[in-house]
Amino acid sequence: MPREIGGVLAQLERRFASLPAEELAARERPRCALPRGQHCSSGWHWREDAGQGTAFARCGRATAARAAAAAAEIPGAQTFESFEQLRENEAFQAARRWAGSSVAGASAGAKGRRTLALVRPDAIAESSGCGKTHLLRAAARTLARAGRWVEYVTAPDLTRTVRGRALYDGTERGAAEIAVAKWRRSEALILDDLGQEETAAPITAAFLVGLLDEREGERLAFATNASERELSLRYGVPLVSRLLAGAEVPALRGIDFRRHWKEAV
């Protein structure tokens, strides 16, 4: 075994020795141009201070890399640019406003409602396939790329977390508590396909009521194929009141573009 490892290392050394200097330089991680006595490490810029390093600014390169990695974790590849506005123009505009004000943040005096609710109107039979998930993912990706802390939660995520908090298994319960802590502290919380979780509705409602109470005043967006009346029947008035209080609720046409996009256009 030691001989095999030695052979592999020797091959790697010969490989790197044969690379042109320009290619080796291109493979090195870009370094920040800082004055003498300052250096970049662990995502921060440091200065020498009587032998003790003092962090004085975040590294722009590291911040951009973290934002790109966070955006890559959002499912799919949906963006606002790839959304066909003819599908749901009112919802499209509302989602962009919500994302824009969330990126700007309250400290920048951003205007706009803190909650975006993509809810099926009572007047239509269904709203599946009209682009709600596309818009939520686009909004989440916009926030992540801007360096905002956004948590994108699907119905399966909600199921696992609510169920995990009720288990005695330390590993699963611990993972659920970590998820809850992240959702609680995030700058923006997005709930996709509310109503599709597998846990009992009263248990899910109790959990969400507590979570939203702790996040009072923070950014929230959610989508559901249920109407407001159906949400009240499923979860109860207390949760629906917290979900829709002061929310922007754009009207949905409800055309399923997965099946009828040609006719809709």
C-alpha atoms as a PDB file:
ATOM      1  CA  MET A   1       0.000   0.000   0.000  1.00  0.00           C
ATOM      2  CA  PRO A   2       2.747   2.594   0.836  1.00  0.00           C
ATOM      3  CA  ARG A   3       4.362   1.893  -2.551  1.00  0.00           C
ATOM      4  CA  GLU A   4       1.042   2.493  -4.321  1.00  0.00           C
ATOM      5  CA  ILE A   5       0.582   5.813  -2.530  1.00  0.00           C
ATOM      6  CA  GLY A   6       4.141   6.786  -3.362  1.00  0.00           C
ATOM      7  CA  GLY A   7       3.527   6.023  -7.008  1.00  0.00           C
ATOM      8  CA  VAL A   8       0.394   8.186  -7.090  1.00  0.00           C
ATOM      9  CA  LEU A   9       2.218  11.084  -5.452  1.00  0.00           C
ATOM     10  CA  ALA A  10       5.063  10.770  -7.912  1.00  0.00           C
ATOM     11  CA  GLN A  11       2.631  10.888 -10.827  1.00  0.00           C
ATOM     12  CA  LEU A  12       0.990  14.021  -9.401  1.00  0.00           C
ATOM     13  CA  GLU A  13       4.358  15.701  -8.975  1.00  0.00           C
ATOM     14  CA  ARG A  14       5.304  14.916 -12.579  1.00  0.00           C
ATOM     15  CA  ARG A  15       1.895  16.185 -13.741  1.00  0.00           C
ATOM     16  CA  PHE A  16       2.241  19.536 -11.992  1.00  0.00           C
ATOM     17  CA  ALA A  17       5.855  19.870 -13.080  1.00  0.00           C
ATOM     18  CA  SER A  18       4.755  19.559 -16.699  1.00  0.00           C
ATOM     19  CA  LEU A  19       2.091  22.285 -16.458  1.00  0.00           C
ATOM     20  CA  PRO A  20       2.942  25.695 -17.940  1.00  0.00           C
ATOM     21  CA  ALA A  21       3.527  28.478 -15.442  1.00  0.00           C
ATOM     22  CA  GLU A  22       0.535  30.398 -16.794  1.00  0.00           C
ATOM     23  CA  GLU A  23      -1.829  27.472 -16.118  1.00  0.00           C
ATOM     24  CA  LEU A  24      -0.464  27.019 -12.601  1.00  0.00           C
ATOM     25  CA  ALA A  25      -1.020  30.701 -11.903  1.00  0.00           C
ATOM     26  CA  ALA A  26      -4.579  30.470 -13.233  1.00  0.00           C
ATOM     27  CA  ARG A  27      -5.323  27.579 -10.883  1.00  0.00           C
ATOM     28  CA  GLU A  28      -4.183  29.491  -7.818  1.00  0.00           C
ATOM     29  CA  ARG A  29      -6.857  31.194  -5.785  1.00  0.00           C
ATOM     30  CA  PRO A  30      -6.981  34.937  -6.556  1.00  0.00           C
ATOM     31  CA  ARG A  31      -5.467  37.052  -3.847  1.00  0.00           C
ATOM     32  CA  CYS A  32      -6.747  40.378  -2.640  1.00  0.00           C
ATOM     33  CA  ALA A  33      -4.464  43.348  -3.283  1.00  0.00           C
ATOM     34  CA  LEU A  34      -3.888  44.739   0.208  1.00  0.00           C
ATOM     35  CA  PRO A  35      -1.324  47.199   1.655  1.00  0.00           C
ATOM     36  CA  ARG A  36       1.750  45.848   3.364  1.00  0.00           C
ATOM     37  CA  GLY A  37       0.993  44.501   6.819  1.00  0.00           C
ATOM     38  CA  GLN A  38      -2.493  43.366   5.850  1.00  0.00           C
ATOM     39  CA  HIS A  39      -3.619  39.972   4.625  1.00  0.00           C
ATOM     40  CA  CYS A  40      -6.742  38.041   3.596  1.00  0.00           C
ATOM     41  CA  SER A  41      -7.719  34.936   5.543  1.00  0.00           C
ATOM     42  CA  SER A  42     -10.925  33.051   6.430  1.00  0.00           C
ATOM     43  CA  GLY A  43     -13.117  35.503   4.549  1.00  0.00           C
ATOM     44  CA  TRP A  44     -11.761  38.582   6.348  1.00  0.00           C
ATOM     45  CA  HIS A  45      -9.114  41.224   5.784  1.00  0.00           C
ATOM     46  CA  TRP A  46      -6.672  41.419   8.679  1.00  0.00           C
ATOM     47  CA  ARG A  47      -4.062  43.920   9.778  1.00  0.00           C
ATOM     48  CA  GLU A  48      -1.091  43.315  12.005  1.00  0.00           C
ATOM     49  CA  ASP A  49      -1.703  44.914  15.368  1.00  0.00           C
ATOM     50  CA  ALA A  50       1.261  44.653  17.756  1.00  0.00           C
ATOM     51  CA  GLY A  51       1.634  41.025  16.801  1.00  0.00           C
ATOM     52  CA  GLN A  52      -2.111  40.313  17.073  1.00  0.00           C
ATOM     53  CA  GLY A  53      -4.242  40.098  13.973  1.00  0.00           C
ATOM     54  CA  THR A  54      -7.326  42.345  13.857  1.00  0.00           C
ATOM     55  CA  ALA A  55     -10.112  41.766  11.329  1.00  0.00           C
ATOM     56  CA  PHE A  56     -11.309  45.060   9.888  1.00  0.00           C
ATOM     57  CA  ALA A  57     -13.391  44.161   6.798  1.00  0.00           C
ATOM     58  CA  ARG A  58     -15.030  41.215   5.097  1.00  0.00           C
ATOM     59  CA  CYS A  59     -13.339  39.917   1.982  1.00  0.00           C
ATOM     60  CA  GLY A  60     -15.414  40.830  -1.060  1.00  0.00           C
ATOM     61  CA  ARG A  61     -14.280  37.751  -2.967  1.00  0.00           C
ATOM     62  CA  ALA A  62     -15.222  35.414  -0.126  1.00  0.00           C
ATOM     63  CA  THR A  63     -18.586  37.145   0.333  1.00  0.00           C
ATOM     64  CA  ALA A  64     -19.380  36.795  -3.376  1.00  0.00           C
ATOM     65  CA  ALA A  65     -18.361  33.132  -3.307  1.00  0.00           C
ATOM     66  CA  ARG A  66     -20.629  32.439  -0.324  1.00  0.00           C
ATOM     67  CA  ALA A  67     -23.532  34.206  -2.034  1.00  0.00           C
ATOM     68  CA  ALA A  68     -23.019  32.170  -5.216  1.00  0.00           C
ATOM     69  CA  ALA A  69     -22.892  28.939  -3.207  1.00  0.00           C
ATOM     70  CA  ALA A  70     -26.090  29.864  -1.344  1.00  0.00           C
ATOM     71  CA  ALA A  71     -27.872  30.642  -4.635  1.00  0.00           C
ATOM     72  CA  ALA A  72     -26.760  27.278  -6.024  1.00  0.00           C
ATOM     73  CA  GLU A  73     -28.474  25.524  -3.111  1.00  0.00           C
ATOM     74  CA  ILE A  74     -31.883  26.834  -4.200  1.00  0.00           C
ATOM     75  CA  PRO A  75     -33.621  23.999  -6.124  1.00  0.00           C
ATOM     76  CA  GLY A  76     -33.876  24.278  -9.882  1.00  0.00           C
ATOM     77  CA  ALA A  77     -32.564  27.135 -11.994  1.00  0.00           C
ATOM     78  CA  GLN A  78     -35.596  29.435 -12.123  1.00  0.00           C
ATOM     79  CA  THR A  79     -35.058  33.189 -12.322  1.00  0.00           C
ATOM     80  CA  PHE A  80     -37.283  36.185 -12.952  1.00  0.00           C
ATOM     81  CA  GLU A  81     -35.713  36.499 -16.410  1.00  0.00           C
ATOM     82  CA  SER A  82     -36.808  32.971 -17.347  1.00  0.00           C
ATOM     83  CA  PHE A  83     -40.414  33.504 -16.240  1.00  0.00           C
ATOM     84  CA  GLU A  84     -43.009  34.076 -18.956  1.00  0.00           C
ATOM     85  CA  GLN A  85     -44.841  37.134 -17.670  1.00  0.00           C
ATOM     86  CA  LEU A  86     -47.960  36.271 -19.665  1.00  0.00           C
ATOM     87  CA  ARG A  87     -48.467  33.386 -17.249  1.00  0.00           C
ATOM     88  CA  GLU A  88     -49.137  35.450 -14.149  1.00  0.00           C
ATOM     89  CA  ASN A  89     -48.077  39.050 -14.678  1.00  0.00           C
ATOM     90  CA  GLU A  90     -49.597  40.373 -11.439  1.00  0.00           C
ATOM     91  CA  ALA A  91     -47.892  37.675  -9.367  1.00  0.00           C
ATOM     92  CA  PHE A  92     -44.656  38.255 -11.283  1.00  0.00           C
ATOM     93  CA  GLN A  93     -44.635  41.957 -10.455  1.00  0.00           C
ATOM     94  CA  ALA A  94     -45.539  41.298  -6.820  1.00  0.00           C
ATOM     95  CA  ALA A  95     -42.744  38.731  -6.424  1.00  0.00           C
ATOM     96  CA  ARG A  96     -40.184  41.097  -7.920  1.00  0.00           C
ATOM     97  CA  ARG A  97     -41.291  43.908  -5.610  1.00  0.00           C
ATOM     98  CA  TRP A  98     -41.056  41.604  -2.604  1.00  0.00           C
ATOM     99  CA  ALA A  99     -37.603  40.383  -3.600  1.00  0.00           C
ATOM    100  CA  GLY A 100     -36.382  43.910  -4.295  1.00  0.00           C
ATOM    101  CA  SER A 101     -37.548  45.293  -0.963  1.00  0.00           C
ATOM    102  CA  SER A 102     -36.133  42.246   0.829  1.00  0.00           C
ATOM    103  CA  VAL A 103     -32.736  42.750  -0.783  1.00  0.00           C
ATOM    104  CA  ALA A 104     -32.733  46.447   0.092  1.00  0.00           C
ATOM    105  CA  GLY A 105     -33.734  45.734   3.678  1.00  0.00           C
ATOM    106  CA  ALA A 106     -35.486  47.890   6.227  1.00  0.00           C
ATOM    107  CA  SER A 107     -32.257  49.749   7.031  1.00  0.00           C
ATOM    108  CA  ALA A 108     -32.256  51.174   3.510  1.00  0.00           C
ATOM    109  CA  GLY A 109     -35.771  52.492   3.935  1.00  0.00           C
ATOM    110  CA  ALA A 110     -37.146  49.918   1.530  1.00  0.00           C
ATOM    111  CA  LYS A 111     -40.848  50.149   0.925  1.00  0.00           C
ATOM    112  CA  GLY A 112     -43.111  47.230   0.234  1.00  0.00           C
ATOM    113  CA  ARG A 113     -45.068  44.669   2.140  1.00  0.00           C
ATOM    114  CA  ARG A 114     -43.087  42.179   4.169  1.00  0.00           C
ATOM    115  CA  THR A 115     -45.267  39.213   3.179  1.00  0.00           C
ATOM    116  CA  LEU A 116     -46.007  37.820  -0.263  1.00  0.00           C
ATOM    117  CA  ALA A 117     -48.889  35.329  -0.417  1.00  0.00           C
ATOM    118  CA  LEU A 118     -49.497  33.320  -3.586  1.00  0.00           C
ATOM    119  CA  VAL A 119     -52.903  31.925  -2.675  1.00  0.00           C
ATOM    120  CA  ARG A 120     -55.497  30.364  -4.974  1.00  0.00           C
ATOM    121  CA  PRO A 121     -58.495  32.665  -5.371  1.00  0.00           C
ATOM    122  CA  ASP A 122     -61.898  31.230  -4.467  1.00  0.00           C
ATOM    123  CA  ALA A 123     -63.116  32.014  -7.976  1.00  0.00           C
ATOM    124  CA  ILE A 124     -60.853  29.465  -9.693  1.00  0.00           C
ATOM    125  CA  ALA A 125     -60.839  25.699  -9.288  1.00  0.00           C
ATOM    126  CA  GLU A 126     -57.073  25.199  -9.037  1.00  0.00           C
ATOM    127  CA  SER A 127     -53.767  27.045  -9.366  1.00  0.00           C
ATOM    128  CA  SER A 128     -51.326  24.212  -9.951  1.00  0.00           C
ATOM    129  CA  GLY A 129     -48.833  24.837 -12.744  1.00  0.00           C
ATOM    130  CA  CYS A 130     -49.303  28.600 -12.971  1.00  0.00           C
ATOM    131  CA  GLY A 131     -45.737  29.432 -11.872  1.00  0.00           C
ATOM    132  CA  LYS A 132     -45.900  29.952  -8.088  1.00  0.00           C
ATOM    133  CA  THR A 133     -42.876  27.771  -7.361  1.00  0.00           C
ATOM    134  CA  HIS A 134     -40.951  29.410 -10.206  1.00  0.00           C
ATOM    135  CA  LEU A 135     -41.527  32.843  -8.688  1.00  0.00           C
ATOM    136  CA  LEU A 136     -40.596  31.769  -5.167  1.00  0.00           C
ATOM    137  CA  ARG A 137     -37.391  30.117  -6.355  1.00  0.00           C
ATOM    138  CA  ALA A 138     -36.534  33.177  -8.430  1.00  0.00           C
ATOM    139  CA  ALA A 139     -37.069  35.412  -5.396  1.00  0.00           C
ATOM    140  CA  ALA A 140     -34.992  33.123  -3.170  1.00  0.00           C
ATOM    141  CA  ARG A 141     -32.171  33.051  -5.726  1.00  0.00           C
ATOM    142  CA  THR A 142     -32.250  36.852  -6.028  1.00  0.00           C
ATOM    143  CA  LEU A 143     -31.909  37.266  -2.263  1.00  0.00           C
ATOM    144  CA  ALA A 144     -29.163  34.660  -1.983  1.00  0.00           C
ATOM    145  CA  ARG A 145     -27.110  36.236  -4.763  1.00  0.00           C
ATOM    146  CA  ALA A 146     -27.418  39.582  -3.005  1.00  0.00           C
ATOM    147  CA  GLY A 147     -25.945  38.088   0.157  1.00  0.00           C
ATOM    148  CA  ARG A 148     -29.196  37.969   2.112  1.00  0.00           C
ATOM    149  CA  TRP A 149     -29.917  35.037   4.391  1.00  0.00           C
ATOM    150  CA  VAL A 150     -32.954  33.324   2.895  1.00  0.00           C
ATOM    151  CA  GLU A 151     -34.358  29.945   3.883  1.00  0.00           C
ATOM    152  CA  TYR A 152     -36.342  28.159   1.167  1.00  0.00           C
ATOM    153  CA  VAL A 153     -38.591  25.534   2.794  1.00  0.00           C
ATOM    154  CA  THR A 154     -40.577  22.953   0.828  1.00  0.00           C
ATOM    155  CA  ALA A 155     -43.447  20.792   2.056  1.00  0.00           C
ATOM    156  CA  PRO A 156     -41.117  17.774   2.539  1.00  0.00           C
ATOM    157  CA  ASP A 157     -38.718  19.984   4.536  1.00  0.00           C
ATOM    158  CA  LEU A 158     -41.590  21.083   6.759  1.00  0.00           C
ATOM    159  CA  THR A 159     -42.750  17.482   7.168  1.00  0.00           C
ATOM    160  CA  ARG A 160     -39.319  16.239   8.251  1.00  0.00           C
ATOM    161  CA  THR A 161     -38.795  19.072  10.696  1.00  0.00           C
ATOM    162  CA  VAL A 162     -42.193  18.955  12.384  1.00  0.00           C
ATOM    163  CA  ARG A 163     -42.004  15.160  12.607  1.00  0.00           C
ATOM    164  CA  GLY A 164     -38.382  15.167  13.767  1.00  0.00           C
ATOM    165  CA  ARG A 165     -39.089  17.480  16.701  1.00  0.00           C
ATOM    166  CA  ALA A 166     -41.572  14.904  18.061  1.00  0.00           C
ATOM    167  CA  LEU A 167     -39.151  11.964  17.913  1.00  0.00           C
ATOM    168  CA  TYR A 168     -36.964  10.611  20.680  1.00  0.00           C
ATOM    169  CA  ASP A 169     -34.122   9.847  18.297  1.00  0.00           C
ATOM    170  CA  GLY A 170     -31.411  12.342  19.180  1.00  0.00           C
ATOM    171  CA  THR A 171     -29.970  12.626  15.687  1.00  0.00           C
ATOM    172  CA  GLU A 172     -33.250  13.347  13.902  1.00  0.00           C
ATOM    173  CA  ARG A 173     -34.485  15.646  16.638  1.00  0.00           C
ATOM    174  CA  GLY A 174     -31.190  17.509  16.632  1.00  0.00           C
ATOM    175  CA  ALA A 175     -31.336  18.006  12.856  1.00  0.00           C
ATOM    176  CA  ALA A 176     -34.902  19.312  13.181  1.00  0.00           C
ATOM    177  CA  GLU A 177     -33.916  21.798  15.894  1.00  0.00           C
ATOM    178  CA  ILE A 178     -31.039  23.070  13.757  1.00  0.00           C
ATOM    179  CA  ALA A 179     -33.434  23.627  10.863  1.00  0.00           C
ATOM    180  CA  VAL A 180     -35.883  25.493  13.090  1.00  0.00           C
ATOM    181  CA  ALA A 181     -33.109  27.719  14.419  1.00  0.00           C
ATOM    182  CA  LYS A 182     -32.092  28.622  10.858  1.00  0.00           C
ATOM    183  CA  TRP A 183     -35.680  29.362   9.821  1.00  0.00           C
ATOM    184  CA  ARG A 184     -36.203  31.472  12.916  1.00  0.00           C
ATOM    185  CA  ARG A 185     -33.125  33.637  12.422  1.00  0.00           C
ATOM    186  CA  SER A 186     -33.131  34.028   8.627  1.00  0.00           C
ATOM    187  CA  GLU A 187     -33.730  37.416   7.027  1.00  0.00           C
ATOM    188  CA  ALA A 188     -36.380  35.960   4.725  1.00  0.00           C
ATOM    189  CA  LEU A 189     -38.402  32.754   5.017  1.00  0.00           C
ATOM    190  CA  ILE A 190     -40.063  31.173   1.971  1.00  0.00           C
ATOM    191  CA  LEU A 191     -42.625  28.365   2.341  1.00  0.00           C
ATOM    192  CA  ASP A 192     -43.348  26.577  -0.927  1.00  0.00           C
ATOM    193  CA  ASP A 193     -46.482  24.481  -1.460  1.00  0.00           C
ATOM    194  CA  LEU A 194     -48.010  24.942   1.961  1.00  0.00           C
ATOM    195  CA  GLY A 195     -50.685  22.323   2.486  1.00  0.00           C
ATOM    196  CA  GLN A 196     -48.761  19.433   0.909  1.00  0.00           C
ATOM    197  CA  GLU A 197     -46.890  18.414   4.062  1.00  0.00           C
ATOM    198  CA  GLU A 198     -47.624  14.940   5.455  1.00  0.00           C
ATOM    199  CA  THR A 199     -47.834  15.830   9.129  1.00  0.00           C
ATOM    200  CA  ALA A 200     -51.215  16.375  10.771  1.00  0.00           C
ATOM    201  CA  ALA A 201     -52.595  19.846  10.066  1.00  0.00           C
ATOM    202  CA  PRO A 202     -53.114  20.865  13.751  1.00  0.00           C
ATOM    203  CA  ILE A 203     -49.514  19.909  14.594  1.00  0.00           C
ATOM    204  CA  THR A 204     -48.138  21.766  11.589  1.00  0.00           C
ATOM    205  CA  ALA A 205     -50.320  24.775  12.424  1.00  0.00           C
ATOM    206  CA  ALA A 206     -49.117  24.888  16.030  1.00  0.00           C
ATOM    207  CA  PHE A 207     -45.512  24.762  14.868  1.00  0.00           C
ATOM    208  CA  LEU A 208     -45.963  27.507  12.257  1.00  0.00           C
ATOM    209  CA  VAL A 209     -47.845  29.771  14.658  1.00  0.00           C
ATOM    210  CA  GLY A 210     -44.933  29.612  17.077  1.00  0.00           C
ATOM    211  CA  LEU A 211     -42.373  30.112  14.311  1.00  0.00           C
ATOM    212  CA  LEU A 212     -44.144  33.123  12.807  1.00  0.00           C
ATOM    213  CA  ASP A 213     -44.643  34.694  16.233  1.00  0.00           C
ATOM    214  CA  GLU A 214     -40.878  34.539  16.764  1.00  0.00           C
ATOM    215  CA  ARG A 215     -40.320  36.010  13.298  1.00  0.00           C
ATOM    216  CA  GLU A 216     -42.847  38.803  13.687  1.00  0.00           C
ATOM    217  CA  GLY A 217     -41.974  41.683  11.392  1.00  0.00           C
ATOM    218  CA  GLU A 218     -39.549  39.664   9.255  1.00  0.00           C
ATOM    219  CA  ARG A 219     -39.867  38.868   5.558  1.00  0.00           C
ATOM    220  CA  LEU A 220     -42.134  35.979   4.570  1.00  0.00           C
ATOM    221  CA  ALA A 221     -43.329  34.534   1.259  1.00  0.00           C
ATOM    222  CA  PHE A 222     -45.443  31.450   0.722  1.00  0.00           C
ATOM    223  CA  ALA A 223     -47.400  29.641  -1.960  1.00  0.00           C
ATOM    224  CA  THR A 224     -50.304  27.234  -1.684  1.00  0.00           C
ATOM    225  CA  ASN A 225     -52.814  25.528  -3.944  1.00  0.00           C
ATOM    226  CA  ALA A 226     -55.477  26.090  -1.291  1.00  0.00           C
ATOM    227  CA  SER A 227     -57.787  29.084  -1.047  1.00  0.00           C
ATOM    228  CA  GLU A 228     -57.961  31.292   2.031  1.00  0.00           C
ATOM    229  CA  ARG A 229     -61.103  29.468   3.130  1.00  0.00           C
ATOM    230  CA  GLU A 230     -59.440  26.073   2.693  1.00  0.00           C
ATOM    231  CA  LEU A 231     -56.393  27.245   4.620  1.00  0.00           C
ATOM    232  CA  SER A 232     -58.640  28.285   7.512  1.00  0.00           C
ATOM    233  CA  LEU A 233     -60.408  24.923   7.495  1.00  0.00           C
ATOM    234  CA  ARG A 234     -57.115  23.033   7.407  1.00  0.00           C
ATOM    235  CA  TYR A 235     -54.971  25.045   9.822  1.00  0.00           C
ATOM    236  CA  GLY A 236     -57.365  27.254  11.746  1.00  0.00           C
ATOM    237  CA  VAL A 237     -57.855  31.009  11.837  1.00  0.00           C
ATOM    238  CA  PRO A 238     -54.829  31.847  14.088  1.00  0.00           C
ATOM    239  CA  LEU A 239     -52.297  30.637  11.522  1.00  0.00           C
ATOM    240  CA  VAL A 240     -54.104  32.156   8.537  1.00  0.00           C
ATOM    241  CA  SER A 241     -54.265  35.475  10.369  1.00  0.00           C
ATOM    242  CA  ARG A 242     -50.490  35.432  10.805  1.00  0.00           C
ATOM    243  CA  LEU A 243     -49.882  34.356   7.206  1.00  0.00           C
ATOM    244  CA  LEU A 244     -52.066  37.000   5.591  1.00  0.00           C
ATOM    245  CA  ALA A 245     -51.772  39.951   7.978  1.00  0.00           C
ATOM    246  CA  GLY A 246     -50.644  42.888   5.823  1.00  0.00           C
ATOM    247  CA  ALA A 247     -49.688  40.547   2.980  1.00  0.00           C
ATOM    248  CA  GLU A 248     -49.729  41.332  -0.709  1.00  0.00           C
ATOM    249  CA  VAL A 249     -51.987  38.749  -2.356  1.00  0.00           C
ATOM    250  CA  PRO A 250     -51.788  39.084  -6.148  1.00  0.00           C
ATOM    251  CA  ALA A 251     -54.663  37.654  -8.164  1.00  0.00           C
ATOM    252  CA  LEU A 252     -53.840  34.407  -9.957  1.00  0.00           C
ATOM    253  CA  ARG A 253     -55.381  33.356 -13.257  1.00  0.00           C
ATOM    254  CA  GLY A 254     -54.758  29.720 -12.423  1.00  0.00           C
ATOM    255  CA  ILE A 255     -53.899  28.456 -15.902  1.00  0.00           C
ATOM    256  CA  ASP A 256     -51.828  25.259 -15.780  1.00  0.00           C
ATOM    257  CA  PHE A 257     -48.968  26.072 -18.130  1.00  0.00           C
ATOM    258  CA  ARG A 258     -47.625  22.559 -17.856  1.00  0.00           C
ATOM    259  CA  ARG A 259     -50.612  21.427 -19.941  1.00  0.00           C
ATOM    260  CA  HIS A 260     -52.215  24.479 -21.548  1.00  0.00           C
ATOM    261  CA  TRP A 261     -49.398  26.935 -22.235  1.00  0.00           C
ATOM    262  CA  LYS A 262     -50.156  27.100 -25.979  1.00  0.00           C
ATOM    263  CA  GLU A 263     -53.797  27.950 -25.419  1.00  0.00           C
ATOM    264  CA  ALA A 264     -52.882  30.536 -22.741  1.00  0.00           C
ATOM    265  CA  VAL A 265     -50.499  32.369 -25.052  1.00  0.00           C
END
